[in-house]
Amino acid sequence: MAQSKPQWQFDQPYKIGARKLRASSVPTPTVKLTLHQFIMGDVEDPQLYAAAPIYDWQQTEKGKWCMENALDEIKFYITQDYQHYGYRVALVGTLSDIDHTYFQLKWGSK
């Protein structure tokens, strides 16, 4: 007759120190990164002219995935780009550590 494993191996919850491990009590590591960026020419109202390329990005596979998996709102920043005499627009969002790994494997930093 085969020996069965001791009962205590199956009945104990996972513990870290003296606390029970719960999904709600463990903080999720997050990463804030630039999800997309593009360059615009010198325009009169950069916020208005940035709307169309942002909308076009939201309709791509990458944009849809980012909109669904971002932990908070995706924000965009507009800065002057002196090299191209225009503006640089960057979309910045926060992803969980696991989603960040997926993002880097799928699209990477090119």
PDB file of N, CA and C in Angstrom:
ATOM      1  N   MET A   1       0.842  -1.180   0.000  1.00  0.00           N
ATOM      2  CA  MET A   1       0.000   0.000   0.000  1.00  0.00           C
ATOM      3  C   MET A   1       0.887   1.243   0.000  1.00  0.00           C
ATOM      4  N   ALA A   2       0.586   2.192  -0.887  1.00  0.00           N
ATOM      5  CA  ALA A   2       1.384   3.416  -1.000  1.00  0.00           C
ATOM      6  C   ALA A   2       1.071   4.357   0.155  1.00  0.00           C
ATOM      7  N   GLN A   3       2.087   5.053   0.578  1.00  0.00           N
ATOM      8  CA  GLN A   3       1.895   6.008   1.665  1.00  0.00           C
ATOM      9  C   GLN A   3       1.292   7.298   1.106  1.00  0.00           C
ATOM     10  N   SER A   4       0.320   7.827   1.801  1.00  0.00           N
ATOM     11  CA  SER A   4      -0.264   9.099   1.379  1.00  0.00           C
ATOM     12  C   SER A   4       0.557  10.245   1.948  1.00  0.00           C
ATOM     13  N   LYS A   5       0.472  11.406   1.276  1.00  0.00           N
ATOM     14  CA  LYS A   5       1.211  12.580   1.748  1.00  0.00           C
ATOM     15  C   LYS A   5       0.564  13.101   3.014  1.00  0.00           C
ATOM     16  N   PRO A   6       1.352  13.705   3.890  1.00  0.00           N
ATOM     17  CA  PRO A   6       0.769  14.244   5.128  1.00  0.00           C
ATOM     18  C   PRO A   6      -0.332  15.261   4.819  1.00  0.00           C
ATOM     19  N   GLN A   7      -1.356  15.268   5.637  1.00  0.00           N
ATOM     20  CA  GLN A   7      -2.514  16.127   5.440  1.00  0.00           C
ATOM     21  C   GLN A   7      -2.144  17.610   5.525  1.00  0.00           C
ATOM     22  N   TRP A   8      -1.147  17.974   6.310  1.00  0.00           N
ATOM     23  CA  TRP A   8      -0.814  19.379   6.507  1.00  0.00           C
ATOM     24  C   TRP A   8      -0.313  20.039   5.231  1.00  0.00           C
ATOM     25  N   GLN A   9       0.167  19.292   4.261  1.00  0.00           N
ATOM     26  CA  GLN A   9       0.662  19.889   3.023  1.00  0.00           C
ATOM     27  C   GLN A   9      -0.457  20.479   2.174  1.00  0.00           C
ATOM     28  N   PHE A  10      -1.682  20.044   2.343  1.00  0.00           N
ATOM     29  CA  PHE A  10      -2.781  20.487   1.519  1.00  0.00           C
ATOM     30  C   PHE A  10      -3.710  21.473   2.200  1.00  0.00           C
ATOM     31  N   ASP A  11      -3.715  21.518   3.515  1.00  0.00           N
ATOM     32  CA  ASP A  11      -4.681  22.329   4.240  1.00  0.00           C
ATOM     33  C   ASP A  11      -4.190  23.737   4.575  1.00  0.00           C
ATOM     34  N   GLN A  12      -2.923  23.983   4.493  1.00  0.00           N
ATOM     35  CA  GLN A  12      -2.381  25.276   4.909  1.00  0.00           C
ATOM     36  C   GLN A  12      -2.500  26.303   3.786  1.00  0.00           C
ATOM     37  N   PRO A  13      -2.943  27.516   4.097  1.00  0.00           N
ATOM     38  CA  PRO A  13      -2.954  28.582   3.078  1.00  0.00           C
ATOM     39  C   PRO A  13      -1.536  29.089   2.847  1.00  0.00           C
ATOM     40  N   TYR A  14      -1.329  29.722   1.714  1.00  0.00           N
ATOM     41  CA  TYR A  14      -0.041  30.343   1.441  1.00  0.00           C
ATOM     42  C   TYR A  14       0.145  31.507   2.385  1.00  0.00           C
ATOM     43  N   LYS A  15       1.317  31.605   2.967  1.00  0.00           N
ATOM     44  CA  LYS A  15       1.569  32.666   3.936  1.00  0.00           C
ATOM     45  C   LYS A  15       2.867  33.385   3.596  1.00  0.00           C
ATOM     46  N   ILE A  16       2.858  34.670   3.884  1.00  0.00           N
ATOM     47  CA  ILE A  16       4.080  35.466   3.844  1.00  0.00           C
ATOM     48  C   ILE A  16       4.216  36.017   5.247  1.00  0.00           C
ATOM     49  N   GLY A  17       5.200  35.558   5.963  1.00  0.00           N
ATOM     50  CA  GLY A  17       5.303  35.935   7.367  1.00  0.00           C
ATOM     51  C   GLY A  17       4.147  35.312   8.127  1.00  0.00           C
ATOM     52  N   ALA A  18       3.369  36.127   8.818  1.00  0.00           N
ATOM     53  CA  ALA A  18       2.236  35.622   9.591  1.00  0.00           C
ATOM     54  C   ALA A  18       0.902  35.972   8.955  1.00  0.00           C
ATOM     55  N   ARG A  19       0.914  36.592   7.753  1.00  0.00           N
ATOM     56  CA  ARG A  19      -0.337  37.004   7.110  1.00  0.00           C
ATOM     57  C   ARG A  19      -0.711  36.029   6.019  1.00  0.00           C
ATOM     58  N   LYS A  20      -1.999  35.952   5.715  1.00  0.00           N
ATOM     59  CA  LYS A  20      -2.467  35.175   4.572  1.00  0.00           C
ATOM     60  C   LYS A  20      -2.246  36.001   3.307  1.00  0.00           C
ATOM     61  N   LEU A  21      -1.907  35.342   2.240  1.00  0.00           N
ATOM     62  CA  LEU A  21      -1.705  36.008   0.959  1.00  0.00           C
ATOM     63  C   LEU A  21      -3.054  36.171   0.268  1.00  0.00           C
ATOM     64  N   ARG A  22      -3.461  37.403   0.060  1.00  0.00           N
ATOM     65  CA  ARG A  22      -4.711  37.703  -0.640  1.00  0.00           C
ATOM     66  C   ARG A  22      -4.390  38.586  -1.825  1.00  0.00           C
ATOM     67  N   ALA A  23      -5.153  38.418  -2.847  1.00  0.00           N
ATOM     68  CA  ALA A  23      -4.915  39.216  -4.049  1.00  0.00           C
ATOM     69  C   ALA A  23      -5.110  40.702  -3.780  1.00  0.00           C
ATOM     70  N   SER A  24      -6.045  41.055  -2.909  1.00  0.00           N
ATOM     71  CA  SER A  24      -6.321  42.462  -2.649  1.00  0.00           C
ATOM     72  C   SER A  24      -5.267  43.107  -1.755  1.00  0.00           C
ATOM     73  N   SER A  25      -4.543  42.305  -0.960  1.00  0.00           N
ATOM     74  CA  SER A  25      -3.572  42.884  -0.042  1.00  0.00           C
ATOM     75  C   SER A  25      -2.191  43.026  -0.665  1.00  0.00           C
ATOM     76  N   VAL A  26      -1.983  42.442  -1.834  1.00  0.00           N
ATOM     77  CA  VAL A  26      -0.676  42.505  -2.480  1.00  0.00           C
ATOM     78  C   VAL A  26      -0.714  43.615  -3.520  1.00  0.00           C
ATOM     79  N   PRO A  27       0.141  44.645  -3.388  1.00  0.00           N
ATOM     80  CA  PRO A  27       0.134  45.724  -4.383  1.00  0.00           C
ATOM     81  C   PRO A  27       0.677  45.230  -5.720  1.00  0.00           C
ATOM     82  N   THR A  28       0.075  45.694  -6.790  1.00  0.00           N
ATOM     83  CA  THR A  28       0.506  45.326  -8.134  1.00  0.00           C
ATOM     84  C   THR A  28       1.582  46.303  -8.595  1.00  0.00           C
ATOM     85  N   PRO A  29       2.749  45.809  -8.996  1.00  0.00           N
ATOM     86  CA  PRO A  29       3.765  46.723  -9.517  1.00  0.00           C
ATOM     87  C   PRO A  29       3.296  47.360 -10.821  1.00  0.00           C
ATOM     88  N   THR A  30       3.556  48.640 -10.974  1.00  0.00           N
ATOM     89  CA  THR A  30       3.128  49.365 -12.166  1.00  0.00           C
ATOM     90  C   THR A  30       4.313  50.037 -12.840  1.00  0.00           C
ATOM     91  N   VAL A  31       4.135  50.311 -14.121  1.00  0.00           N
ATOM     92  CA  VAL A  31       5.166  50.975 -14.913  1.00  0.00           C
ATOM     93  C   VAL A  31       4.497  52.094 -15.701  1.00  0.00           C
ATOM     94  N   LYS A  32       5.054  53.289 -15.610  1.00  0.00           N
ATOM     95  CA  LYS A  32       4.559  54.425 -16.388  1.00  0.00           C
ATOM     96  C   LYS A  32       5.481  54.585 -17.589  1.00  0.00           C
ATOM     97  N   LEU A  33       4.901  54.575 -18.790  1.00  0.00           N
ATOM     98  CA  LEU A  33       5.741  54.639 -19.971  1.00  0.00           C
ATOM     99  C   LEU A  33       5.033  55.364 -21.106  1.00  0.00           C
ATOM    100  N   THR A  34       5.831  55.732 -22.101  1.00  0.00           N
ATOM    101  CA  THR A  34       5.308  56.361 -23.303  1.00  0.00           C
ATOM    102  C   THR A  34       4.765  55.271 -24.211  1.00  0.00           C
ATOM    103  N   LEU A  35       3.474  55.316 -24.462  1.00  0.00           N
ATOM    104  CA  LEU A  35       2.827  54.298 -25.282  1.00  0.00           C
ATOM    105  C   LEU A  35       2.954  54.600 -26.772  1.00  0.00           C
ATOM    106  N   HIS A  36       2.951  55.881 -27.123  1.00  0.00           N
ATOM    107  CA  HIS A  36       3.028  56.273 -28.529  1.00  0.00           C
ATOM    108  C   HIS A  36       3.492  57.725 -28.592  1.00  0.00           C
ATOM    109  N   GLN A  37       4.211  58.062 -29.641  1.00  0.00           N
ATOM    110  CA  GLN A  37       4.585  59.468 -29.846  1.00  0.00           C
ATOM    111  C   GLN A  37       4.683  59.745 -31.336  1.00  0.00           C
ATOM    112  N   PHE A  38       4.458  60.999 -31.676  1.00  0.00           N
ATOM    113  CA  PHE A  38       4.545  61.417 -33.068  1.00  0.00           C
ATOM    114  C   PHE A  38       4.930  62.886 -33.122  1.00  0.00           C
ATOM    115  N   ILE A  39       5.307  63.324 -34.333  1.00  0.00           N
ATOM    116  CA  ILE A  39       5.764  64.690 -34.553  1.00  0.00           C
ATOM    117  C   ILE A  39       4.761  65.402 -35.455  1.00  0.00           C
ATOM    118  N   MET A  40       4.449  66.638 -35.102  1.00  0.00           N
ATOM    119  CA  MET A  40       3.594  67.496 -35.935  1.00  0.00           C
ATOM    120  C   MET A  40       4.411  68.678 -36.404  1.00  0.00           C
ATOM    121  N   GLY A  41       3.993  69.249 -37.499  1.00  0.00           N
ATOM    122  CA  GLY A  41       4.628  70.463 -37.984  1.00  0.00           C
ATOM    123  C   GLY A  41       4.217  71.659 -37.137  1.00  0.00           C
ATOM    124  N   ASP A  42       4.679  72.818 -37.531  1.00  0.00           N
ATOM    125  CA  ASP A  42       4.337  74.043 -36.826  1.00  0.00           C
ATOM    126  C   ASP A  42       2.900  74.420 -37.163  1.00  0.00           C
ATOM    127  N   VAL A  43       2.019  74.317 -36.184  1.00  0.00           N
ATOM    128  CA  VAL A  43       0.590  74.591 -36.395  1.00  0.00           C
ATOM    129  C   VAL A  43       0.146  75.658 -35.400  1.00  0.00           C
ATOM    130  N   GLU A  44      -0.987  76.237 -35.685  1.00  0.00           N
ATOM    131  CA  GLU A  44      -1.492  77.322 -34.843  1.00  0.00           C
ATOM    132  C   GLU A  44      -2.036  76.804 -33.513  1.00  0.00           C
ATOM    133  N   ASP A  45      -2.779  75.695 -33.541  1.00  0.00           N
ATOM    134  CA  ASP A  45      -3.378  75.129 -32.327  1.00  0.00           C
ATOM    135  C   ASP A  45      -2.976  73.652 -32.225  1.00  0.00           C
ATOM    136  N   PRO A  46      -1.879  73.335 -31.515  1.00  0.00           N
ATOM    137  CA  PRO A  46      -1.384  71.950 -31.488  1.00  0.00           C
ATOM    138  C   PRO A  46      -2.353  70.959 -30.842  1.00  0.00           C
ATOM    139  N   GLN A  47      -3.134  71.412 -29.850  1.00  0.00           N
ATOM    140  CA  GLN A  47      -4.093  70.494 -29.219  1.00  0.00           C
ATOM    141  C   GLN A  47      -5.159  70.045 -30.221  1.00  0.00           C
ATOM    142  N   LEU A  48      -5.611  70.959 -31.051  1.00  0.00           N
ATOM    143  CA  LEU A  48      -6.630  70.646 -32.045  1.00  0.00           C
ATOM    144  C   LEU A  48      -6.072  69.720 -33.125  1.00  0.00           C
ATOM    145  N   TYR A  49      -4.870  69.996 -33.602  1.00  0.00           N
ATOM    146  CA  TYR A  49      -4.283  69.198 -34.660  1.00  0.00           C
ATOM    147  C   TYR A  49      -3.791  67.834 -34.168  1.00  0.00           C
ATOM    148  N   ALA A  50      -3.589  67.675 -32.871  1.00  0.00           N
ATOM    149  CA  ALA A  50      -3.159  66.382 -32.322  1.00  0.00           C
ATOM    150  C   ALA A  50      -4.318  65.399 -32.213  1.00  0.00           C
ATOM    151  N   ALA A  51      -5.551  65.881 -32.268  1.00  0.00           N
ATOM    152  CA  ALA A  51      -6.716  65.012 -32.067  1.00  0.00           C
ATOM    153  C   ALA A  51      -6.829  63.925 -33.136  1.00  0.00           C
ATOM    154  N   ALA A  52      -6.614  64.255 -34.383  1.00  0.00           N
ATOM    155  CA  ALA A  52      -6.774  63.273 -35.463  1.00  0.00           C
ATOM    156  C   ALA A  52      -5.743  62.139 -35.385  1.00  0.00           C
ATOM    157  N   PRO A  53      -4.442  62.429 -35.215  1.00  0.00           N
ATOM    158  CA  PRO A  53      -3.495  61.318 -35.091  1.00  0.00           C
ATOM    159  C   PRO A  53      -3.721  60.474 -33.834  1.00  0.00           C
ATOM    160  N   ILE A  54      -4.181  61.098 -32.746  1.00  0.00           N
ATOM    161  CA  ILE A  54      -4.477  60.326 -31.537  1.00  0.00           C
ATOM    162  C   ILE A  54      -5.654  59.392 -31.792  1.00  0.00           C
ATOM    163  N   TYR A  55      -6.685  59.895 -32.454  1.00  0.00           N
ATOM    164  CA  TYR A  55      -7.844  59.057 -32.777  1.00  0.00           C
ATOM    165  C   TYR A  55      -7.436  57.910 -33.706  1.00  0.00           C
ATOM    166  N   ASP A  56      -6.613  58.198 -34.694  1.00  0.00           N
ATOM    167  CA  ASP A  56      -6.145  57.152 -35.607  1.00  0.00           C
ATOM    168  C   ASP A  56      -5.362  56.082 -34.849  1.00  0.00           C
ATOM    169  N   TRP A  57      -4.536  56.495 -33.889  1.00  0.00           N
ATOM    170  CA  TRP A  57      -3.781  55.528 -33.077  1.00  0.00           C
ATOM    171  C   TRP A  57      -4.728  54.686 -32.231  1.00  0.00           C
ATOM    172  N   GLN A  58      -5.787  55.283 -31.702  1.00  0.00           N
ATOM    173  CA  GLN A  58      -6.739  54.531 -30.883  1.00  0.00           C
ATOM    174  C   GLN A  58      -7.455  53.451 -31.683  1.00  0.00           C
ATOM    175  N   GLN A  59      -7.527  53.583 -32.988  1.00  0.00           N
ATOM    176  CA  GLN A  59      -8.212  52.593 -33.818  1.00  0.00           C
ATOM    177  C   GLN A  59      -7.295  51.439 -34.241  1.00  0.00           C
ATOM    178  N   THR A  60      -5.997  51.528 -33.962  1.00  0.00           N
ATOM    179  CA  THR A  60      -5.072  50.444 -34.295  1.00  0.00           C
ATOM    180  C   THR A  60      -5.143  49.364 -33.220  1.00  0.00           C
ATOM    181  N   GLU A  61      -4.527  48.209 -33.518  1.00  0.00           N
ATOM    182  CA  GLU A  61      -4.497  47.113 -32.542  1.00  0.00           C
ATOM    183  C   GLU A  61      -3.767  47.540 -31.265  1.00  0.00           C
ATOM    184  N   LYS A  62      -2.649  48.213 -31.437  1.00  0.00           N
ATOM    185  CA  LYS A  62      -1.864  48.684 -30.292  1.00  0.00           C
ATOM    186  C   LYS A  62      -2.656  49.692 -29.466  1.00  0.00           C
ATOM    187  N   GLY A  63      -3.321  50.616 -30.115  1.00  0.00           N
ATOM    188  CA  GLY A  63      -4.094  51.633 -29.411  1.00  0.00           C
ATOM    189  C   GLY A  63      -5.272  51.043 -28.651  1.00  0.00           C
ATOM    190  N   LYS A  64      -5.989  50.120 -29.282  1.00  0.00           N
ATOM    191  CA  LYS A  64      -7.117  49.482 -28.609  1.00  0.00           C
ATOM    192  C   LYS A  64      -6.650  48.702 -27.385  1.00  0.00           C
ATOM    193  N   TRP A  65      -5.540  47.982 -27.525  1.00  0.00           N
ATOM    194  CA  TRP A  65      -5.017  47.210 -26.400  1.00  0.00           C
ATOM    195  C   TRP A  65      -4.605  48.136 -25.258  1.00  0.00           C
ATOM    196  N   CYS A  66      -3.944  49.229 -25.582  1.00  0.00           N
ATOM    197  CA  CYS A  66      -3.513  50.177 -24.549  1.00  0.00           C
ATOM    198  C   CYS A  66      -4.701  50.822 -23.843  1.00  0.00           C
ATOM    199  N   MET A  67      -5.731  51.173 -24.606  1.00  0.00           N
ATOM    200  CA  MET A  67      -6.918  51.790 -24.006  1.00  0.00           C
ATOM    201  C   MET A  67      -7.627  50.826 -23.052  1.00  0.00           C
ATOM    202  N   GLU A  68      -7.623  49.525 -23.363  1.00  0.00           N
ATOM    203  CA  GLU A  68      -8.277  48.540 -22.512  1.00  0.00           C
ATOM    204  C   GLU A  68      -7.457  48.193 -21.278  1.00  0.00           C
ATOM    205  N   ASN A  69      -6.137  48.168 -21.396  1.00  0.00           N
ATOM    206  CA  ASN A  69      -5.295  47.654 -20.326  1.00  0.00           C
ATOM    207  C   ASN A  69      -4.594  48.714 -19.487  1.00  0.00           C
ATOM    208  N   ALA A  70      -4.726  49.980 -19.834  1.00  0.00           N
ATOM    209  CA  ALA A  70      -4.118  51.042 -19.019  1.00  0.00           C
ATOM    210  C   ALA A  70      -4.828  51.104 -17.667  1.00  0.00           C
ATOM    211  N   LEU A  71      -4.058  51.286 -16.609  1.00  0.00           N
ATOM    212  CA  LEU A  71      -4.633  51.303 -15.265  1.00  0.00           C
ATOM    213  C   LEU A  71      -5.352  52.605 -14.954  1.00  0.00           C
ATOM    214  N   ASP A  72      -4.947  53.680 -15.569  1.00  0.00           N
ATOM    215  CA  ASP A  72      -5.637  54.958 -15.386  1.00  0.00           C
ATOM    216  C   ASP A  72      -5.773  55.604 -16.767  1.00  0.00           C
ATOM    217  N   GLU A  73      -6.208  56.830 -16.790  1.00  0.00           N
ATOM    218  CA  GLU A  73      -6.390  57.510 -18.075  1.00  0.00           C
ATOM    219  C   GLU A  73      -5.056  57.710 -18.776  1.00  0.00           C
ATOM    220  N   ILE A  74      -5.068  57.543 -20.082  1.00  0.00           N
ATOM    221  CA  ILE A  74      -3.879  57.829 -20.878  1.00  0.00           C
ATOM    222  C   ILE A  74      -3.858  59.330 -21.129  1.00  0.00           C
ATOM    223  N   LYS A  75      -2.727  59.954 -20.835  1.00  0.00           N
ATOM    224  CA  LYS A  75      -2.596  61.405 -20.992  1.00  0.00           C
ATOM    225  C   LYS A  75      -1.657  61.698 -22.155  1.00  0.00           C
ATOM    226  N   PHE A  76      -1.850  62.852 -22.774  1.00  0.00           N
ATOM    227  CA  PHE A  76      -0.918  63.230 -23.833  1.00  0.00           C
ATOM    228  C   PHE A  76      -0.260  64.557 -23.471  1.00  0.00           C
ATOM    229  N   TYR A  77       1.005  64.665 -23.843  1.00  0.00           N
ATOM    230  CA  TYR A  77       1.815  65.844 -23.570  1.00  0.00           C
ATOM    231  C   TYR A  77       2.336  66.387 -24.888  1.00  0.00           C
ATOM    232  N   ILE A  78       2.311  67.703 -25.032  1.00  0.00           N
ATOM    233  CA  ILE A  78       2.794  68.357 -26.241  1.00  0.00           C
ATOM    234  C   ILE A  78       3.975  69.237 -25.857  1.00  0.00           C
ATOM    235  N   THR A  79       5.095  69.002 -26.521  1.00  0.00           N
ATOM    236  CA  THR A  79       6.290  69.820 -26.287  1.00  0.00           C
ATOM    237  C   THR A  79       6.809  70.306 -27.631  1.00  0.00           C
ATOM    238  N   GLN A  80       7.585  71.370 -27.590  1.00  0.00           N
ATOM    239  CA  GLN A  80       8.176  71.881 -28.823  1.00  0.00           C
ATOM    240  C   GLN A  80       9.322  70.980 -29.247  1.00  0.00           C
ATOM    241  N   ASP A  81       9.398  70.750 -30.538  1.00  0.00           N
ATOM    242  CA  ASP A  81      10.469  69.944 -31.110  1.00  0.00           C
ATOM    243  C   ASP A  81      11.317  70.863 -31.985  1.00  0.00           C
ATOM    244  N   TYR A  82      12.418  71.321 -31.440  1.00  0.00           N
ATOM    245  CA  TYR A  82      13.253  72.300 -32.140  1.00  0.00           C
ATOM    246  C   TYR A  82      13.992  71.675 -33.325  1.00  0.00           C
ATOM    247  N   GLN A  83      14.204  70.387 -33.300  1.00  0.00           N
ATOM    248  CA  GLN A  83      14.902  69.727 -34.392  1.00  0.00           C
ATOM    249  C   GLN A  83      14.066  69.716 -35.671  1.00  0.00           C
ATOM    250  N   HIS A  84      12.743  69.568 -35.534  1.00  0.00           N
ATOM    251  CA  HIS A  84      11.857  69.509 -36.690  1.00  0.00           C
ATOM    252  C   HIS A  84      10.988  70.772 -36.846  1.00  0.00           C
ATOM    253  N   TYR A  85      11.245  71.777 -36.042  1.00  0.00           N
ATOM    254  CA  TYR A  85      10.492  73.040 -36.088  1.00  0.00           C
ATOM    255  C   TYR A  85       8.986  72.807 -35.976  1.00  0.00           C
ATOM    256  N   GLY A  86       8.601  72.042 -34.965  1.00  0.00           N
ATOM    257  CA  GLY A  86       7.188  71.749 -34.773  1.00  0.00           C
ATOM    258  C   GLY A  86       6.933  71.308 -33.341  1.00  0.00           C
ATOM    259  N   TYR A  87       6.107  70.310 -33.190  1.00  0.00           N
ATOM    260  CA  TYR A  87       5.724  69.806 -31.877  1.00  0.00           C
ATOM    261  C   TYR A  87       5.875  68.289 -31.835  1.00  0.00           C
ATOM    262  N   ARG A  88       6.193  67.780 -30.667  1.00  0.00           N
ATOM    263  CA  ARG A  88       6.241  66.342 -30.407  1.00  0.00           C
ATOM    264  C   ARG A  88       5.124  66.030 -29.427  1.00  0.00           C
ATOM    265  N   VAL A  89       4.299  65.027 -29.762  1.00  0.00           N
ATOM    266  CA  VAL A  89       3.187  64.610 -28.914  1.00  0.00           C
ATOM    267  C   VAL A  89       3.498  63.223 -28.380  1.00  0.00           C
ATOM    268  N   ALA A  90       3.381  63.052 -27.061  1.00  0.00           N
ATOM    269  CA  ALA A  90       3.637  61.763 -26.424  1.00  0.00           C
ATOM    270  C   ALA A  90       2.417  61.343 -25.627  1.00  0.00           C
ATOM    271  N   LEU A  91       1.966  60.111 -25.831  1.00  0.00           N
ATOM    272  CA  LEU A  91       0.864  59.542 -25.064  1.00  0.00           C
ATOM    273  C   LEU A  91       1.474  58.671 -23.973  1.00  0.00           C
ATOM    274  N   VAL A  92       1.154  58.983 -22.726  1.00  0.00           N
ATOM    275  CA  VAL A  92       1.762  58.327 -21.571  1.00  0.00           C
ATOM    276  C   VAL A  92       0.674  57.637 -20.761  1.00  0.00           C
ATOM    277  N   GLY A  93       0.947  56.407 -20.356  1.00  0.00           N
ATOM    278  CA  GLY A  93      -0.006  55.653 -19.548  1.00  0.00           C
ATOM    279  C   GLY A  93       0.702  54.765 -18.549  1.00  0.00           C
ATOM    280  N   THR A  94      -0.070  54.207 -17.641  1.00  0.00           N
ATOM    281  CA  THR A  94       0.451  53.313 -16.619  1.00  0.00           C
ATOM    282  C   THR A  94      -0.083  51.912 -16.875  1.00  0.00           C
ATOM    283  N   LEU A  95       0.832  50.939 -16.922  1.00  0.00           N
ATOM    284  CA  LEU A  95       0.470  49.545 -17.123  1.00  0.00           C
ATOM    285  C   LEU A  95       0.939  48.727 -15.934  1.00  0.00           C
ATOM    286  N   SER A  96       0.265  47.611 -15.700  1.00  0.00           N
ATOM    287  CA  SER A  96       0.747  46.693 -14.665  1.00  0.00           C
ATOM    288  C   SER A  96       2.038  46.058 -15.175  1.00  0.00           C
ATOM    289  N   ASP A  97       2.774  45.443 -14.275  1.00  0.00           N
ATOM    290  CA  ASP A  97       4.056  44.848 -14.624  1.00  0.00           C
ATOM    291  C   ASP A  97       3.887  43.755 -15.682  1.00  0.00           C
ATOM    292  N   ILE A  98       2.850  42.959 -15.560  1.00  0.00           N
ATOM    293  CA  ILE A  98       2.601  41.881 -16.521  1.00  0.00           C
ATOM    294  C   ILE A  98       2.215  42.458 -17.880  1.00  0.00           C
ATOM    295  N   ASP A  99       1.350  43.479 -17.886  1.00  0.00           N
ATOM    296  CA  ASP A  99       0.963  44.109 -19.154  1.00  0.00           C
ATOM    297  C   ASP A  99       2.140  44.828 -19.805  1.00  0.00           C
ATOM    298  N   HIS A 100       3.021  45.390 -18.995  1.00  0.00           N
ATOM    299  CA  HIS A 100       4.214  46.051 -19.538  1.00  0.00           C
ATOM    300  C   HIS A 100       5.105  45.042 -20.257  1.00  0.00           C
ATOM    301  N   THR A 101       5.257  43.857 -19.672  1.00  0.00           N
ATOM    302  CA  THR A 101       6.050  42.809 -20.317  1.00  0.00           C
ATOM    303  C   THR A 101       5.430  42.411 -21.650  1.00  0.00           C
ATOM    304  N   TYR A 102       4.114  42.230 -21.667  1.00  0.00           N
ATOM    305  CA  TYR A 102       3.422  41.891 -22.915  1.00  0.00           C
ATOM    306  C   TYR A 102       3.607  42.993 -23.950  1.00  0.00           C
ATOM    307  N   PHE A 103       3.464  44.257 -23.521  1.00  0.00           N
ATOM    308  CA  PHE A 103       3.608  45.407 -24.425  1.00  0.00           C
ATOM    309  C   PHE A 103       5.002  45.423 -25.047  1.00  0.00           C
ATOM    310  N   GLN A 104       6.026  45.196 -24.246  1.00  0.00           N
ATOM    311  CA  GLN A 104       7.401  45.226 -24.759  1.00  0.00           C
ATOM    312  C   GLN A 104       7.673  44.053 -25.694  1.00  0.00           C
ATOM    313  N   LEU A 105       7.103  42.881 -25.389  1.00  0.00           N
ATOM    314  CA  LEU A 105       7.319  41.729 -26.262  1.00  0.00           C
ATOM    315  C   LEU A 105       6.574  41.896 -27.596  1.00  0.00           C
ATOM    316  N   LYS A 106       5.383  42.452 -27.540  1.00  0.00           N
ATOM    317  CA  LYS A 106       4.566  42.563 -28.760  1.00  0.00           C
ATOM    318  C   LYS A 106       5.034  43.722 -29.643  1.00  0.00           C
ATOM    319  N   TRP A 107       5.220  44.918 -29.043  1.00  0.00           N
ATOM    320  CA  TRP A 107       5.530  46.090 -29.855  1.00  0.00           C
ATOM    321  C   TRP A 107       6.933  46.620 -29.610  1.00  0.00           C
ATOM    322  N   GLY A 108       7.487  46.406 -28.427  1.00  0.00           N
ATOM    323  CA  GLY A 108       8.863  46.822 -28.130  1.00  0.00           C
ATOM    324  C   GLY A 108       9.102  48.301 -28.342  1.00  0.00           C
ATOM    325  N   SER A 109      10.309  48.708 -28.095  1.00  0.00           N
ATOM    326  CA  SER A 109      10.683  50.109 -28.342  1.00  0.00           C
ATOM    327  C   SER A 109      11.488  50.137 -29.628  1.00  0.00           C
ATOM    328  N   LYS A 110      10.868  50.620 -30.675  1.00  0.00           N
ATOM    329  CA  LYS A 110      11.506  50.613 -31.993  1.00  0.00           C
ATOM    330  C   LYS A 110      12.138  51.931 -32.294  1.00  0.00           C
TER     331      LYS A 110
END
